[in-house]
């Protein structure tokens, strides 16, 4: 997340269709300049090689960006079989090539089935994870390789889309549709699939289709945003509370709202479509349909403020 010394207090979320070859941070800065927003952040970066859905948060929406990191994702990936790179994608240096066997459809499907469900995955060296305070990709660029602990992830679905065999104009390209949990590295998945097929692999193309409740169909390119008027740009902003709709909505009185804004817990008074918790849980707080923030509703009916939002454009 970044904060500017001057600019406008813009609150909301923009769905960007990130173009090829640009970093997520550069894409963020380009859109932030269109809004002249003084505070902005993204919800988990896409590599320069990757395109597709990149939710950008402005103003108070930056407070939900960390929560959105936990969202499930869906990608379409094109894997180049028989090629191994140091980064796990086409941006890296080729370190080995292997003969790709004459794969049948059934053999590919049998392989893919092994990666569905909960699996252990070793993060790639070229990642932003840290080892002894230093990012792994920094160590990788220095020629260092360190042991990485495997992490438990979940592949909800792994759908075969297409395979270009050795006789095709673009040979040995395997296209897949991947639905996965947070923390999944598609580059590592591609490498593991290549190893299982006996020929190695690297990511040739990657496109994010969904992130949480957001879809690429609703995203705009930087070119489309650049052509919009200021009024149209503001109409594109998604409400700050949209990513939080999984939490129950709670309506509170003016007195309760005042107490919440002072950081005080309140006795639960009025709630929408809710019958009471069986365990403490997070809820969305509203007064007169104005979103106030998140609170924790306890078993005794009290709500304690956890994350408050200031939507009145005051610094």
Protein backbone atom coordinates (compact mmCIF):
# COMPACT_ATOMS: atom_id res chain seq x y z
CA UNK A 1 0.00 0.00 0.00
CA UNK A 2 1.20 3.54 -0.72
CA UNK A 3 0.10 6.95 0.49
CA UNK A 4 0.58 10.26 -1.26
CA UNK A 5 1.17 13.60 0.47
CA UNK A 6 -1.51 15.28 -1.64
CA UNK A 7 -4.50 14.18 -3.67
CA UNK A 8 -8.13 13.29 -3.26
CA UNK A 9 -9.80 11.06 -0.69
CA UNK A 10 -11.16 8.49 -3.13
CA UNK A 11 -12.85 5.48 -1.53
CA UNK A 12 -13.66 2.32 -3.44
CA UNK A 13 -12.40 -0.59 -5.52
CA UNK A 14 -11.54 -0.71 -9.21
CA UNK A 15 -11.28 -3.98 -11.11
CA UNK A 16 -8.36 -3.67 -13.50
CA UNK A 17 -7.63 -6.04 -16.37
CA UNK A 18 -3.84 -5.88 -16.03
CA UNK A 19 -1.95 -5.96 -19.28
CA UNK A 20 1.04 -8.11 -20.13
CA UNK A 21 4.53 -6.96 -19.16
CA UNK A 22 3.68 -4.46 -16.43
CA UNK A 23 4.15 -5.00 -12.71
CA UNK A 24 1.16 -4.85 -10.38
CA UNK A 25 2.60 -1.79 -8.63
CA UNK A 26 3.08 0.09 -11.90
CA UNK A 27 -0.48 -0.78 -12.92
CA UNK A 28 -1.68 0.52 -9.54
CA UNK A 29 0.18 3.82 -9.95
CA UNK A 30 -1.23 4.33 -13.44
CA UNK A 31 -4.81 4.01 -12.21
CA UNK A 32 -4.14 6.01 -9.06
CA UNK A 33 -2.99 8.95 -11.18
CA UNK A 34 -6.28 8.87 -13.09
CA UNK A 35 -8.14 9.36 -9.82
CA UNK A 36 -5.48 11.57 -8.20
CA UNK A 37 -6.03 9.34 -5.16
CA UNK A 38 -3.88 9.93 -2.10
CA UNK A 39 -4.06 6.36 -0.82
CA UNK A 40 -4.02 3.14 -2.83
CA UNK A 41 -3.07 -0.53 -2.70
CA UNK A 42 -3.64 -3.78 -4.55
CA UNK A 43 -4.86 -7.13 -3.29
CA UNK A 44 -2.02 -9.47 -4.13
CA UNK A 45 0.30 -8.96 -7.06
CA UNK A 46 0.28 -10.52 -10.48
CA UNK A 47 3.65 -11.21 -12.11
CA UNK A 48 4.50 -9.05 -15.16
CA UNK A 49 3.98 -12.19 -17.29
CA UNK A 50 0.42 -12.54 -15.97
CA UNK A 51 -2.64 -10.63 -17.16
CA UNK A 52 -6.17 -10.37 -15.89
CA UNK A 53 -8.07 -9.41 -12.79
CA UNK A 54 -6.28 -7.12 -10.36
CA UNK A 55 -8.58 -5.46 -7.78
CA UNK A 56 -7.22 -2.04 -6.77
CA UNK A 57 -8.25 -0.42 -3.50
CA UNK A 58 -8.43 3.33 -2.87
CA UNK A 59 -8.81 5.25 0.38
CA UNK A 60 -10.72 3.36 3.05
CA UNK A 61 -10.94 0.32 0.77
CA UNK A 62 -7.25 -0.31 1.48
CA UNK A 63 -8.40 -1.54 4.89
CA UNK A 64 -10.04 -4.56 3.24
CA UNK A 65 -7.17 -5.36 0.88
CA UNK A 66 -5.49 -7.65 3.44
CA UNK A 67 -8.74 -9.58 3.86
CA UNK A 68 -9.01 -9.98 0.09
CA UNK A 69 -5.61 -11.68 0.02
CA UNK A 70 -7.36 -14.71 1.53
CA UNK A 71 -9.82 -14.98 -1.36
CA UNK A 72 -9.91 -18.01 -3.64
CA UNK A 73 -8.68 -17.42 -7.18
CA UNK A 74 -9.26 -18.82 -10.65
CA UNK A 75 -6.72 -18.77 -13.46
CA UNK A 76 -6.31 -19.88 -17.04
CA UNK A 77 -2.75 -21.03 -17.59
CA UNK A 78 -0.86 -22.17 -20.68
CA UNK A 79 1.96 -24.56 -19.74
CA UNK A 80 4.91 -25.23 -22.02
CA UNK A 81 5.87 -28.87 -21.62
CA UNK A 82 9.47 -29.99 -22.07
CA UNK A 83 10.98 -26.65 -21.03
CA UNK A 84 12.32 -25.82 -17.55
CA UNK A 85 13.25 -22.29 -16.52
CA UNK A 86 14.86 -20.88 -13.39
CA UNK A 87 11.78 -18.79 -12.54
CA UNK A 88 9.10 -21.31 -13.47
CA UNK A 89 7.77 -19.09 -16.25
CA UNK A 90 8.69 -17.75 -19.67
CA UNK A 91 10.40 -14.71 -18.18
CA UNK A 92 13.21 -16.86 -16.80
CA UNK A 93 16.28 -18.44 -18.32
CA UNK A 94 15.89 -21.89 -19.84
CA UNK A 95 17.96 -24.28 -17.74
CA UNK A 96 16.87 -27.57 -19.31
CA UNK A 97 14.78 -29.07 -22.09
CA UNK A 98 13.33 -32.55 -22.18
CA UNK A 99 11.57 -34.73 -24.71
CA UNK A 100 7.79 -34.58 -24.38
CA UNK A 101 6.19 -38.02 -24.63
CA UNK A 102 3.31 -38.67 -27.02
CA UNK A 103 0.60 -37.93 -24.44
CA UNK A 104 -2.96 -39.12 -24.80
CA UNK A 105 -5.98 -37.26 -23.44
CA UNK A 106 -6.51 -39.98 -20.82
CA UNK A 107 -2.91 -39.72 -19.63
CA UNK A 108 -3.23 -35.97 -19.15
CA UNK A 109 -6.53 -36.28 -17.29
CA UNK A 110 -5.09 -39.03 -15.06
CA UNK A 111 -2.18 -36.72 -14.22
CA UNK A 112 -4.40 -33.74 -13.43
CA UNK A 113 -6.58 -35.76 -11.07
CA UNK A 114 -3.54 -36.23 -8.80
CA UNK A 115 -3.39 -32.50 -8.13
CA UNK A 116 -7.01 -31.92 -7.18
CA UNK A 117 -7.98 -31.38 -3.57
CA UNK A 118 -5.60 -30.56 -0.72
CA UNK A 119 -1.96 -30.92 -1.71
CA UNK A 120 1.43 -29.89 -0.38
CA UNK A 121 3.23 -27.35 -2.53
CA UNK A 122 6.77 -26.01 -2.27
CA UNK A 123 6.87 -22.26 -3.06
CA UNK A 124 9.22 -21.24 -5.89
CA UNK A 125 12.53 -19.51 -5.21
CA UNK A 126 11.36 -16.60 -7.33
CA UNK A 127 8.70 -15.45 -4.87
CA UNK A 128 8.27 -12.66 -2.33
CA UNK A 129 8.34 -15.04 0.64
CA UNK A 130 11.13 -14.28 3.08
CA UNK A 131 14.02 -16.35 4.40
CA UNK A 132 15.94 -14.86 7.34
CA UNK A 133 14.47 -11.45 6.55
CA UNK A 134 15.33 -11.49 2.85
CA UNK A 135 12.94 -12.13 -0.03
CA UNK A 136 13.45 -15.43 -1.82
CA UNK A 137 13.68 -13.83 -5.26
CA UNK A 138 16.52 -11.62 -4.00
CA UNK A 139 18.41 -14.71 -2.88
CA UNK A 140 17.63 -16.42 -6.18
CA UNK A 141 19.09 -13.51 -8.13
CA UNK A 142 22.26 -13.90 -6.06
CA UNK A 143 22.42 -17.52 -7.14
CA UNK A 144 21.33 -18.92 -3.77
CA UNK A 145 18.89 -21.78 -3.39
CA UNK A 146 17.43 -22.38 0.08
CA UNK A 147 15.15 -25.07 1.42
CA UNK A 148 11.48 -24.02 1.45
CA UNK A 149 8.87 -25.68 3.58
CA UNK A 150 5.91 -27.07 1.71
CA UNK A 151 2.55 -25.44 2.35
CA UNK A 152 -0.89 -26.95 2.33
CA UNK A 153 -3.06 -25.51 -0.46
CA UNK A 154 -6.26 -26.61 -2.15
CA UNK A 155 -6.96 -27.07 -5.84
CA UNK A 156 -10.74 -26.95 -6.08
CA UNK A 157 -10.79 -27.77 -9.77
CA UNK A 158 -8.24 -28.41 -12.51
CA UNK A 159 -9.92 -28.48 -15.90
CA UNK A 160 -8.31 -29.58 -19.13
CA UNK A 161 -8.91 -26.96 -21.85
CA UNK A 162 -6.57 -27.81 -24.71
CA UNK A 163 -3.35 -29.57 -25.67
CA UNK A 164 -1.20 -28.77 -28.67
CA UNK A 165 0.85 -31.87 -29.45
CA UNK A 166 4.28 -32.01 -31.04
CA UNK A 167 2.81 -31.81 -34.55
CA UNK A 168 1.04 -28.50 -33.92
CA UNK A 169 2.28 -25.06 -34.96
CA UNK A 170 2.69 -24.21 -31.27
CA UNK A 171 3.79 -27.61 -29.93
CA UNK A 172 3.55 -28.99 -26.41
CA UNK A 173 1.26 -26.31 -24.97
CA UNK A 174 -1.17 -27.49 -22.31
CA UNK A 175 -3.99 -25.11 -21.37
CA UNK A 176 -5.73 -25.53 -18.01
CA UNK A 177 -8.39 -23.78 -15.96
CA UNK A 178 -7.38 -23.70 -12.27
CA UNK A 179 -9.55 -22.84 -9.27
CA UNK A 180 -7.46 -22.69 -6.12
CA UNK A 181 -7.07 -21.42 -2.57
CA UNK A 182 -4.93 -18.56 -1.37
CA UNK A 183 -1.19 -19.17 -1.38
CA UNK A 184 -1.23 -21.29 -4.52
CA UNK A 185 1.67 -20.73 -6.89
CA UNK A 186 0.61 -21.57 -10.43
CA UNK A 187 4.27 -21.72 -11.49
CA UNK A 188 4.95 -24.45 -8.93
CA UNK A 189 1.79 -26.27 -9.99
CA UNK A 190 2.91 -26.16 -13.64
CA UNK A 191 6.35 -27.48 -12.75
CA UNK A 192 4.86 -30.30 -10.67
CA UNK A 193 2.50 -31.29 -13.49
CA UNK A 194 5.41 -31.30 -15.92
CA UNK A 195 7.44 -33.50 -13.61
CA UNK A 196 4.51 -35.88 -13.20
CA UNK A 197 4.23 -36.13 -17.00
CA UNK A 198 7.96 -36.87 -17.14
CA UNK A 199 9.09 -33.90 -19.20
CA UNK A 200 9.19 -30.80 -16.99
CA UNK A 201 7.24 -27.62 -17.70
CA UNK A 202 7.10 -23.86 -17.31
CA UNK A 203 4.31 -21.27 -17.46
CA UNK A 204 4.00 -19.69 -20.91
CA UNK A 205 0.87 -17.60 -20.25
CA UNK A 206 -1.19 -16.84 -17.15
CA UNK A 207 -4.48 -14.98 -16.78
CA UNK A 208 -6.45 -14.44 -13.58
CA UNK A 209 -10.18 -14.87 -14.16
CA UNK A 210 -11.69 -14.44 -10.69
CA UNK A 211 -10.63 -13.25 -7.24
CA UNK A 212 -13.13 -13.83 -4.48
CA UNK A 213 -16.50 -12.48 -5.61
CA UNK A 214 -14.98 -10.43 -8.45
CA UNK A 215 -14.79 -11.51 -12.11
CA UNK A 216 -12.68 -10.45 -15.08
CA UNK A 217 -15.88 -9.72 -17.04
CA UNK A 218 -16.39 -6.64 -14.85
CA UNK A 219 -12.81 -5.38 -15.16
CA UNK A 220 -11.56 -2.51 -17.30
CA UNK A 221 -8.22 -2.05 -19.06
CA UNK A 222 -6.04 0.99 -18.42
CA UNK A 223 -6.91 2.16 -21.92
CA UNK A 224 -10.64 2.02 -21.17
CA UNK A 225 -10.20 3.85 -17.86
CA UNK A 226 -8.00 6.50 -19.46
CA UNK A 227 -10.75 7.38 -21.94
CA UNK A 228 -13.39 7.92 -19.23
CA UNK A 229 -14.56 11.23 -17.84
CA UNK A 230 -14.09 11.94 -14.14
CA UNK A 231 -17.79 11.24 -13.58
CA UNK A 232 -17.55 7.87 -15.33
CA UNK A 233 -14.42 6.94 -13.37
CA UNK A 234 -16.26 7.50 -10.11
CA UNK A 235 -19.18 5.42 -11.31
CA UNK A 236 -16.74 2.53 -11.83
CA UNK A 237 -15.80 2.50 -8.15
CA UNK A 238 -17.16 -0.49 -6.24
CA UNK A 239 -18.36 0.12 -2.70
CA UNK A 240 -15.82 -0.50 0.06
CA UNK A 241 -18.00 -3.08 1.78
CA UNK A 242 -18.58 -5.23 -1.33
CA UNK A 243 -15.79 -7.75 -0.53
CA UNK A 244 -17.22 -8.17 2.97
CA UNK A 245 -20.68 -9.41 1.99
CA UNK A 246 -19.96 -12.85 3.44
CA UNK A 247 -20.23 -11.22 6.88
CA UNK A 248 -23.69 -10.70 8.36
CA UNK A 249 -25.14 -7.19 8.08
CA UNK A 250 -26.06 -5.46 11.37
CA UNK A 251 -28.05 -2.23 11.65
CA UNK A 252 -27.35 -0.13 14.74
CA UNK A 253 -28.86 3.02 16.27
CA UNK A 254 -27.34 6.49 16.22
CA UNK A 255 -26.25 6.15 19.85
CA UNK A 256 -24.68 2.78 19.18
CA UNK A 257 -22.93 4.15 16.08
CA UNK A 258 -21.50 6.97 18.18
CA UNK A 259 -20.17 4.48 20.73
CA UNK A 260 -18.68 2.25 18.04
CA UNK A 261 -16.90 5.23 16.47
CA UNK A 262 -15.37 5.97 19.88
CA UNK A 263 -14.05 2.41 19.97
CA UNK A 264 -16.56 1.24 22.59
CA UNK A 265 -18.44 -2.06 22.52
CA UNK A 266 -22.23 -1.97 22.44
CA UNK A 267 -25.08 -4.17 23.50
CA UNK A 268 -26.68 -5.64 20.39
CA UNK A 269 -30.01 -3.96 19.65
CA UNK A 270 -31.20 -4.49 16.06
CA UNK A 271 -29.99 -6.98 13.49
CA UNK A 272 -31.01 -7.83 9.91
CA UNK A 273 -31.70 -11.44 8.90
CA UNK A 274 -29.83 -12.95 11.82
CA UNK A 275 -30.89 -15.27 14.66
CA UNK A 276 -27.88 -14.97 16.95
CA UNK A 277 -24.39 -16.52 16.85
CA UNK A 278 -23.34 -19.94 18.04
CA UNK A 279 -19.78 -18.62 18.36
CA UNK A 280 -18.17 -15.15 18.17
CA UNK A 281 -18.17 -13.89 14.61
CA UNK A 282 -17.43 -10.82 12.52
CA UNK A 283 -20.34 -8.66 11.33
CA UNK A 284 -20.77 -5.59 9.13
CA UNK A 285 -22.00 -2.51 10.98
CA UNK A 286 -24.34 0.08 9.43
CA UNK A 287 -26.32 3.11 10.52
CA UNK A 288 -28.79 4.65 8.05
CA UNK A 289 -27.24 2.42 5.38
CA UNK A 290 -23.82 4.04 5.96
CA UNK A 291 -21.09 1.44 6.37
CA UNK A 292 -19.23 1.96 9.64
CA UNK A 293 -16.92 -1.05 9.76
CA UNK A 294 -16.49 -4.53 11.14
CA UNK A 295 -17.27 -5.68 14.65
CA UNK A 296 -17.18 -8.94 16.56
CA UNK A 297 -20.55 -10.19 17.79
CA UNK A 298 -20.07 -12.25 20.93
CA UNK A 299 -22.31 -14.89 22.43
CA UNK A 300 -23.63 -12.45 25.05
CA UNK A 301 -24.96 -10.15 22.32
CA UNK A 302 -22.28 -7.48 22.56
CA UNK A 303 -20.49 -6.07 19.54
CA UNK A 304 -16.90 -4.89 19.82
CA UNK A 305 -15.47 -2.70 17.04
CA UNK A 306 -12.62 -4.39 15.15
CA UNK A 307 -12.02 -2.35 11.97
CA UNK A 308 -13.67 1.02 11.49
CA UNK A 309 -14.05 2.98 8.25
CA UNK A 310 -14.20 6.72 7.78
CA UNK A 311 -16.26 7.44 4.65
CA UNK A 312 -16.79 11.19 5.24
CA UNK A 313 -13.67 12.20 3.26
CA UNK A 314 -11.88 13.66 6.27
CA UNK A 315 -8.13 13.09 6.51
